[in-house]
C-alpha atoms as a PDB file:
ATOM      1  CA  MET A   1     -67.068 -81.885 -48.700  1.00  0.00           C
ATOM      2  CA  ASN A   2     -64.489 -79.837 -50.308  1.00  0.00           C
ATOM      3  CA  GLN A   3     -62.129 -78.098 -50.065  1.00  0.00           C
ATOM      4  CA  ALA A   4     -64.111 -74.417 -49.930  1.00  0.00           C
ATOM      5  CA  GLY A   5     -66.424 -76.586 -47.460  1.00  0.00           C
ATOM      6  CA  LEU A   6     -63.855 -77.524 -45.567  1.00  0.00           C
ATOM      7  CA  HIS A   7     -62.780 -73.648 -44.977  1.00  0.00           C
ATOM      8  CA  ASP A   8     -65.939 -72.274 -44.630  1.00  0.00           C
ATOM      9  CA  GLU A   9     -66.669 -74.461 -41.529  1.00  0.00           C
ATOM     10  CA  LEU A  10     -63.506 -73.730 -39.909  1.00  0.00           C
ATOM     11  CA  LEU A  11     -64.345 -70.149 -39.853  1.00  0.00           C
ATOM     12  CA  HIS A  12     -67.835 -71.215 -38.879  1.00  0.00           C
ATOM     13  CA  ARG A  13     -66.062 -72.510 -36.105  1.00  0.00           C
ATOM     14  CA  LEU A  14     -63.415 -69.787 -35.713  1.00  0.00           C
ATOM     15  CA  PHE A  15     -65.951 -67.112 -35.251  1.00  0.00           C
ATOM     16  CA  ILE A  16     -67.688 -68.747 -32.300  1.00  0.00           C
ATOM     17  CA  GLU A  17     -64.757 -69.229 -30.862  1.00  0.00           C
ATOM     18  CA  LEU A  18     -64.141 -65.496 -31.210  1.00  0.00           C
ATOM     19  CA  GLU A  19     -67.320 -65.039 -30.003  1.00  0.00           C
ATOM     20  CA  ILE A  20     -66.853 -66.753 -26.945  1.00  0.00           C
ATOM     21  CA  MET A  21     -63.775 -65.536 -26.068  1.00  0.00           C
ATOM     22  CA  LYS A  22     -64.498 -61.634 -26.174  1.00  0.00           C
ATOM     23  CA  ASN A  23     -67.912 -62.324 -24.296  1.00  0.00           C
ATOM     24  CA  LYS A  24     -65.468 -64.428 -20.988  1.00  0.00           C
ATOM     25  CA  PRO A  25     -64.856 -62.463 -18.717  1.00  0.00           C
ATOM     26  CA  ILE A  26     -60.773 -61.429 -18.600  1.00  0.00           C
ATOM     27  CA  ASP A  27     -59.508 -64.014 -16.569  1.00  0.00           C
ATOM     28  CA  PRO A  28     -56.828 -62.133 -13.049  1.00  0.00           C
ATOM     29  CA  LEU A  29     -53.818 -64.477 -13.357  1.00  0.00           C
ATOM     30  CA  GLY A  30     -53.725 -64.363 -16.910  1.00  0.00           C
ATOM     31  CA  ALA A  31     -54.383 -68.154 -18.240  1.00  0.00           C
ATOM     32  CA  GLU A  32     -56.951 -67.506 -20.276  1.00  0.00           C
ATOM     33  CA  PRO A  33     -56.353 -68.113 -24.327  1.00  0.00           C
ATOM     34  CA  ASP A  34     -54.722 -65.949 -26.620  1.00  0.00           C
ATOM     35  CA  ILE A  35     -57.826 -64.098 -28.691  1.00  0.00           C
ATOM     36  CA  THR A  36     -55.068 -62.984 -31.129  1.00  0.00           C
ATOM     37  CA  GLU A  37     -54.284 -67.001 -31.550  1.00  0.00           C
ATOM     38  CA  THR A  38     -58.362 -66.289 -32.795  1.00  0.00           C
ATOM     39  CA  TYR A  39     -57.134 -63.607 -35.208  1.00  0.00           C
ATOM     40  CA  ASN A  40     -54.812 -65.785 -36.692  1.00  0.00           C
ATOM     41  CA  ARG A  41     -55.670 -68.751 -37.456  1.00  0.00           C
ATOM     42  CA  ILE A  42     -59.040 -66.800 -38.900  1.00  0.00           C
ATOM     43  CA  ALA A  43     -56.577 -64.635 -41.242  1.00  0.00           C
ATOM     44  CA  GLU A  44     -54.172 -68.111 -41.978  1.00  0.00           C
ATOM     45  CA  THR A  45     -57.702 -69.942 -43.109  1.00  0.00           C
ATOM     46  CA  TYR A  46     -59.041 -66.706 -45.480  1.00  0.00           C
ATOM     47  CA  PHE A  47     -55.273 -66.926 -46.937  1.00  0.00           C
ATOM     48  CA  ASN A  48     -55.855 -70.246 -48.090  1.00  0.00           C
ATOM     49  CA  LYS A  49     -59.098 -69.033 -49.047  1.00  0.00           C
ATOM     50  CA  GLY A  50     -57.419 -66.818 -51.365  1.00  0.00           C
ATOM     51  CA  ASP A  51     -59.388 -64.033 -49.658  1.00  0.00           C
ATOM     52  CA  LEU A  52     -56.611 -62.266 -49.040  1.00  0.00           C
ATOM     53  CA  ASP A  53     -58.317 -58.722 -48.219  1.00  0.00           C
ATOM     54  CA  ASN A  54     -60.528 -60.326 -45.692  1.00  0.00           C
ATOM     55  CA  ALA A  55     -56.426 -62.441 -44.641  1.00  0.00           C
ATOM     56  CA  LEU A  56     -54.779 -58.907 -44.225  1.00  0.00           C
ATOM     57  CA  LYS A  57     -57.719 -57.248 -42.302  1.00  0.00           C
ATOM     58  CA  TYR A  58     -57.320 -59.931 -39.442  1.00  0.00           C
ATOM     59  CA  TYR A  59     -53.444 -60.762 -39.225  1.00  0.00           C
ATOM     60  CA  LEU A  60     -53.411 -56.838 -38.307  1.00  0.00           C
ATOM     61  CA  LEU A  61     -56.135 -56.690 -36.230  1.00  0.00           C
ATOM     62  CA  CYS A  62     -54.084 -59.762 -34.170  1.00  0.00           C
ATOM     63  CA  PHE A  63     -51.049 -57.287 -34.525  1.00  0.00           C
ATOM     64  CA  GLU A  64     -52.272 -54.470 -33.628  1.00  0.00           C
ATOM     65  CA  ILE A  65     -53.225 -55.997 -30.077  1.00  0.00           C
ATOM     66  CA  ARG A  66     -50.015 -58.053 -30.327  1.00  0.00           C
ATOM     67  CA  GLN A  67     -48.335 -54.470 -30.379  1.00  0.00           C
ATOM     68  CA  SER A  68     -49.898 -53.439 -27.280  1.00  0.00           C
ATOM     69  CA  ALA A  69     -50.124 -56.688 -25.851  1.00  0.00           C
ATOM     70  CA  TYR A  70     -47.111 -57.976 -25.475  1.00  0.00           C
ATOM     71  CA  GLN A  71     -44.255 -56.274 -23.428  1.00  0.00           C
ATOM     72  CA  PRO A  72     -40.580 -56.983 -25.167  1.00  0.00           C
ATOM     73  CA  MET A  73     -39.358 -59.937 -23.394  1.00  0.00           C
ATOM     74  CA  GLU A  74     -36.620 -60.176 -20.321  1.00  0.00           C
ATOM     75  CA  SER A  75     -33.975 -59.401 -22.839  1.00  0.00           C
ATOM     76  CA  GLY A  76     -36.008 -56.570 -24.112  1.00  0.00           C
ATOM     77  CA  LYS A  77     -36.132 -58.561 -27.442  1.00  0.00           C
ATOM     78  CA  PRO A  78     -38.959 -58.365 -29.132  1.00  0.00           C
ATOM     79  CA  HIS A  79     -42.018 -60.685 -28.237  1.00  0.00           C
ATOM     80  CA  ARG A  80     -41.468 -63.554 -31.263  1.00  0.00           C
ATOM     81  CA  LYS A  81     -45.884 -63.915 -31.912  1.00  0.00           C
ATOM     82  CA  THR A  82     -45.499 -59.654 -32.380  1.00  0.00           C
ATOM     83  CA  VAL A  83     -42.169 -60.479 -34.768  1.00  0.00           C
ATOM     84  CA  LEU A  84     -44.595 -63.267 -36.540  1.00  0.00           C
ATOM     85  CA  CYS A  85     -47.252 -60.616 -37.069  1.00  0.00           C
ATOM     86  CA  TYR A  86     -44.890 -58.712 -40.210  1.00  0.00           C
ATOM     87  CA  GLN A  87     -43.533 -61.844 -42.020  1.00  0.00           C
ATOM     88  CA  SER A  88     -47.324 -62.303 -41.691  1.00  0.00           C
ATOM     89  CA  ILE A  89     -48.582 -58.907 -43.227  1.00  0.00           C
ATOM     90  CA  GLY A  90     -45.545 -58.737 -45.917  1.00  0.00           C
ATOM     91  CA  ARG A  91     -47.041 -62.189 -47.693  1.00  0.00           C
ATOM     92  CA  ILE A  92     -50.241 -60.948 -47.321  1.00  0.00           C
ATOM     93  CA  TYR A  93     -49.033 -57.769 -49.347  1.00  0.00           C
ATOM     94  CA  MET A  94     -46.401 -59.693 -51.405  1.00  0.00           C
ATOM     95  CA  LYS A  95     -49.454 -61.819 -52.987  1.00  0.00           C
ATOM     96  CA  GLN A  96     -51.486 -58.947 -53.566  1.00  0.00           C
ATOM     97  CA  LYS A  97     -48.538 -57.324 -55.733  1.00  0.00           C
ATOM     98  CA  LYS A  98     -48.261 -54.484 -53.290  1.00  0.00           C
ATOM     99  CA  TYR A  99     -44.701 -55.172 -53.267  1.00  0.00           C
ATOM    100  CA  ASP A 100     -44.055 -51.701 -51.874  1.00  0.00           C
ATOM    101  CA  MET A 101     -45.413 -52.913 -48.091  1.00  0.00           C
ATOM    102  CA  ALA A 102     -44.508 -56.769 -49.451  1.00  0.00           C
ATOM    103  CA  LEU A 103     -41.137 -55.106 -48.882  1.00  0.00           C
ATOM    104  CA  ASP A 104     -41.187 -53.262 -45.866  1.00  0.00           C
ATOM    105  CA  TYR A 105     -43.135 -55.641 -43.928  1.00  0.00           C
ATOM    106  CA  LEU A 106     -40.601 -58.796 -44.226  1.00  0.00           C
ATOM    107  CA  GLN A 107     -37.265 -56.397 -44.345  1.00  0.00           C
ATOM    108  CA  LYS A 108     -38.269 -55.669 -40.661  1.00  0.00           C
ATOM    109  CA  PHE A 109     -39.555 -58.862 -40.318  1.00  0.00           C
ATOM    110  CA  ILE A 110     -35.796 -60.390 -41.223  1.00  0.00           C
ATOM    111  CA  ASP A 111     -33.752 -57.252 -38.922  1.00  0.00           C
ATOM    112  CA  LEU A 112     -36.064 -58.520 -35.957  1.00  0.00           C
ATOM    113  CA  CYS A 113     -35.356 -62.043 -36.480  1.00  0.00           C
ATOM    114  CA  GLU A 114     -31.414 -61.268 -37.487  1.00  0.00           C
ATOM    115  CA  GLU A 115     -31.036 -58.354 -33.872  1.00  0.00           C
ATOM    116  CA  ALA A 116     -33.157 -60.019 -31.339  1.00  0.00           C
ATOM    117  CA  PHE A 117     -33.320 -63.697 -32.192  1.00  0.00           C
ATOM    118  CA  ASP A 118     -30.185 -64.812 -34.440  1.00  0.00           C
ATOM    119  CA  ASN A 119     -32.455 -65.538 -37.332  1.00  0.00           C
ATOM    120  CA  ASP A 120     -34.360 -68.315 -35.001  1.00  0.00           C
ATOM    121  CA  LEU A 121     -37.844 -67.452 -33.114  1.00  0.00           C
ATOM    122  CA  GLY A 122     -37.505 -71.286 -31.934  1.00  0.00           C
ATOM    123  CA  LEU A 123     -41.101 -71.889 -33.100  1.00  0.00           C
ATOM    124  CA  GLN A 124     -42.926 -74.812 -32.654  1.00  0.00           C
ATOM    125  CA  ASP A 125     -45.675 -76.439 -33.291  1.00  0.00           C
ATOM    126  CA  ALA A 126     -49.034 -77.683 -31.240  1.00  0.00           C
ATOM    127  CA  GLU A 127     -46.474 -80.880 -30.503  1.00  0.00           C
ATOM    128  CA  ASN A 128     -44.094 -79.180 -29.371  1.00  0.00           C
ATOM    129  CA  ASN A 129     -41.803 -79.576 -32.796  1.00  0.00           C
ATOM    130  CA  PRO A 130     -39.280 -77.023 -33.963  1.00  0.00           C
ATOM    131  CA  LEU A 131     -41.468 -75.494 -37.233  1.00  0.00           C
ATOM    132  CA  ASP A 132     -38.605 -74.587 -39.993  1.00  0.00           C
ATOM    133  CA  VAL A 133     -38.589 -70.580 -40.737  1.00  0.00           C
ATOM    134  CA  SER A 134     -36.295 -70.376 -43.136  1.00  0.00           C
ATOM    135  CA  MET A 135     -34.353 -67.105 -43.505  1.00  0.00           C
ATOM    136  CA  ASP A 136     -33.551 -68.363 -46.983  1.00  0.00           C
ATOM    137  CA  GLU A 137     -36.842 -68.106 -48.515  1.00  0.00           C
ATOM    138  CA  HIS A 138     -36.657 -64.075 -46.918  1.00  0.00           C
ATOM    139  CA  TYR A 139     -33.896 -63.514 -48.467  1.00  0.00           C
ATOM    140  CA  LEU A 140     -34.996 -64.473 -51.372  1.00  0.00           C
ATOM    141  CA  ASN A 141     -38.693 -63.202 -50.710  1.00  0.00           C
ATOM    142  CA  LEU A 142     -36.992 -60.206 -50.737  1.00  0.00           C
ATOM    143  CA  ALA A 143     -34.916 -60.044 -53.564  1.00  0.00           C
ATOM    144  CA  MET A 144     -37.822 -61.147 -56.347  1.00  0.00           C
ATOM    145  CA  ILE A 145     -39.687 -57.994 -55.416  1.00  0.00           C
ATOM    146  CA  ASN A 146     -36.561 -55.796 -55.499  1.00  0.00           C
ATOM    147  CA  GLU A 147     -36.133 -57.400 -59.137  1.00  0.00           C
ATOM    148  CA  THR A 148     -40.162 -56.841 -59.553  1.00  0.00           C
ATOM    149  CA  MET A 149     -40.029 -53.325 -58.266  1.00  0.00           C
ATOM    150  CA  LYS A 150     -36.962 -52.357 -60.571  1.00  0.00           C
ATOM    151  CA  LYS A 151     -39.570 -53.241 -63.386  1.00  0.00           C
ATOM    152  CA  TYR A 152     -42.414 -50.978 -62.955  1.00  0.00           C
END
């Protein structure tokens, strides 16, 4: 199966998962899987497939739910999952060459990382390995966006 076929198969399975989660009764103990993770995986798959419009649609859905569902942590810091949405949406706008929007989202992401997390979101993958979220890369992206915007 080629790469496009793999993306399509994954999307098919993710949409089945999404329907199951939407129709599942709410767990009063809060132990149910997070539906925003499914939206996020759908968005990421569309991004990897090159379908930026659908990737943006699902990242925005994920962001909207996370903003309303996740309260700031006990320390008053915003929830990590909400902060990461700024990065994902900014990345889409950058690819779409919507630099004003990309700049807004990526700057918000960087500001929240600096203020709330000391540039360390403490993210881990499924096996609890630390994820490398390089702030240097984000600063370079902002510099590139600013330089590109000067040309327009």
